[in-house]
Every structure is written in structure tokens, then in C-alpha cells.
Amino acid sequence: MILRIPSKMIQYGYVEVSVDVPDSPEKAAQIYMDWVSRFQVAEQNVVENVASGQATPEGLQEAAENIVKETLGATKVADEAAPWDEPAPAAAEAAWDKPVEFDLFS
């Protein structure tokens, strides 16, 4: 079962969490409410820590990267400019772009 948990801090933001399927709708509702309330409290704590200087966005980014590396085995891509962001090389002047001179009186 996938739970879609709304964010209180980011407008239209949400997190999707995969959990085991419970055996009753009542248990599913309880699991959902538990996840929503715990997530929103944790989210508020993170925002307050960043605002007070106890945690930095860079530190949070680093922690998130480590989680992705450990769980998915992913690697970080270098922050280099993509080839399509670089300017195109100058093209040579085409023959049809050169002016043609005619001497009609020779």
C-alpha cells in the first residue's frame, strides 16, 4: 500500500511511502494517520532546526545523498556543465553566403 502524505511546509508537496497492506480498513486508517502526524511533526522540526541554524540545508542535502547511495547504490553525478549548455562552435562561412561579383562590361 502506498501512502501519500501531504506536506505542511511545501505547498502542493507530498511524500509517498510504501507500507505493508493491513488486514482491515480501520487498521489502514490508523496507519495512515500515524504516518501523517509523525511526518508533519518531523518536517516541522527540520524546518525549525534549519531556521535556527542547528542544521544547514547543505548538511541535510549531504544526509539525503548518503541515504540514496546506501539504499540504492547510486553515485553522484559531477556538477559540470552539460554539453548542450555550452555555446555551439562557430560555423564556417557557406559558399552561398559569400557575395558574387559580376563584371557585365568586360
Protein backbone atom coordinates (compact mmCIF):
# COMPACT_ATOMS: atom_id res chain seq x y z
CA MET A 1 0.00 0.00 0.00
CA ILE A 2 1.34 3.45 -0.87
CA LEU A 3 0.57 6.33 1.47
CA ARG A 4 0.58 9.84 0.05
CA ILE A 5 1.43 12.16 2.93
CA PRO A 6 0.81 15.89 2.47
CA SER A 7 3.44 18.43 3.45
CA LYS A 8 2.53 21.33 5.72
CA MET A 9 5.66 23.29 4.78
CA ILE A 10 5.69 22.96 0.98
CA GLN A 11 2.59 23.96 -0.92
CA TYR A 12 1.32 21.04 -3.03
CA GLY A 13 4.20 18.94 -1.69
CA TYR A 14 3.79 15.35 -0.58
CA VAL A 15 5.77 12.22 0.22
CA GLU A 16 4.85 8.74 -0.90
CA VAL A 17 5.64 5.88 1.48
CA SER A 18 5.21 2.19 0.78
CA VAL A 19 3.90 0.14 3.74
CA ASP A 20 2.58 -3.37 4.23
CA VAL A 21 -1.11 -3.81 3.43
CA PRO A 22 -3.13 -4.10 6.63
CA ASP A 23 -5.92 -6.64 7.05
CA SER A 24 -8.70 -4.12 7.72
CA PRO A 25 -9.75 -0.62 6.62
CA GLU A 26 -9.67 0.56 10.24
CA LYS A 27 -6.05 -0.53 10.59
CA ALA A 28 -5.21 1.16 7.26
CA ALA A 29 -6.74 4.42 8.51
CA GLN A 30 -4.78 4.16 11.76
CA ILE A 31 -1.51 3.54 9.89
CA TYR A 32 -2.19 6.49 7.58
CA MET A 33 -2.99 8.90 10.42
CA ASP A 34 0.07 7.74 12.34
CA TRP A 35 2.35 8.37 9.35
CA VAL A 36 0.79 11.75 8.57
CA SER A 37 1.08 13.06 12.12
CA ARG A 38 4.64 11.77 12.64
CA PHE A 39 5.80 13.07 9.26
CA GLN A 40 4.36 16.53 9.77
CA VAL A 41 5.93 16.85 13.23
CA ALA A 42 9.31 15.69 11.90
CA GLU A 43 9.02 18.06 8.94
CA GLN A 44 8.29 20.99 11.26
CA ASN A 45 11.31 20.06 13.42
CA VAL A 46 13.62 20.01 10.41
CA VAL A 47 12.42 23.42 9.24
CA GLU A 48 12.86 24.88 12.73
CA ASN A 49 16.37 23.40 13.01
CA VAL A 50 17.39 24.91 9.68
CA ALA A 51 15.86 28.27 10.61
CA SER A 52 17.64 28.34 13.98
CA GLY A 53 20.99 27.35 12.46
CA GLN A 54 21.18 23.95 14.17
CA ALA A 55 21.06 22.20 10.81
CA THR A 56 22.07 23.54 7.43
CA PRO A 57 20.43 22.82 4.09
CA GLU A 58 23.84 21.58 2.89
CA GLY A 59 24.00 19.11 5.77
CA LEU A 60 20.51 17.89 5.02
CA GLN A 61 21.44 17.55 1.33
CA GLU A 62 24.52 15.54 2.28
CA ALA A 63 22.45 13.27 4.54
CA ALA A 64 19.91 12.71 1.77
CA GLU A 65 22.69 11.87 -0.72
CA ASN A 66 24.16 9.34 1.71
CA ILE A 67 20.77 7.65 2.16
CA VAL A 68 20.34 7.37 -1.61
CA LYS A 69 23.88 6.00 -2.02
CA GLU A 70 23.44 3.42 0.74
CA THR A 71 19.95 2.23 -0.16
CA LEU A 72 20.06 2.41 -3.96
CA GLY A 73 23.77 2.16 -4.65
CA ALA A 74 23.60 5.35 -6.69
CA THR A 75 26.53 7.63 -7.46
CA LYS A 76 26.54 11.41 -7.54
CA VAL A 77 26.93 13.00 -10.95
CA ALA A 78 29.53 15.75 -11.21
CA ASP A 79 28.25 19.32 -11.30
CA GLU A 80 29.74 20.06 -14.72
CA ALA A 81 28.01 21.97 -17.48
CA ALA A 82 26.07 19.74 -19.82
CA PRO A 83 27.30 19.67 -23.43
CA TRP A 84 24.07 21.26 -24.64
CA ASP A 85 24.62 24.21 -22.28
CA GLU A 86 27.93 25.13 -23.93
CA PRO A 87 27.94 27.54 -26.88
CA ALA A 88 27.98 25.96 -30.32
CA PRO A 89 31.21 26.17 -32.31
CA ALA A 90 31.29 28.85 -35.00
CA ALA A 91 30.28 27.53 -38.39
CA ALA A 92 32.40 28.17 -41.46
CA GLU A 93 31.02 30.63 -43.98
CA ALA A 94 28.97 28.81 -46.59
CA ALA A 95 29.54 29.38 -50.31
CA TRP A 96 26.02 30.79 -50.76
CA ASP A 97 26.69 33.39 -48.05
CA LYS A 98 29.61 34.93 -49.99
CA PRO A 99 28.83 37.86 -52.30
CA VAL A 100 29.01 37.18 -56.02
CA GLU A 101 30.60 39.81 -58.28
CA PHE A 102 29.61 40.09 -61.92
CA ASP A 103 31.51 42.19 -64.44
CA LEU A 104 28.95 42.76 -67.19
CA PHE A 105 31.09 45.13 -69.29
CA SER A 106 34.31 43.19 -69.75
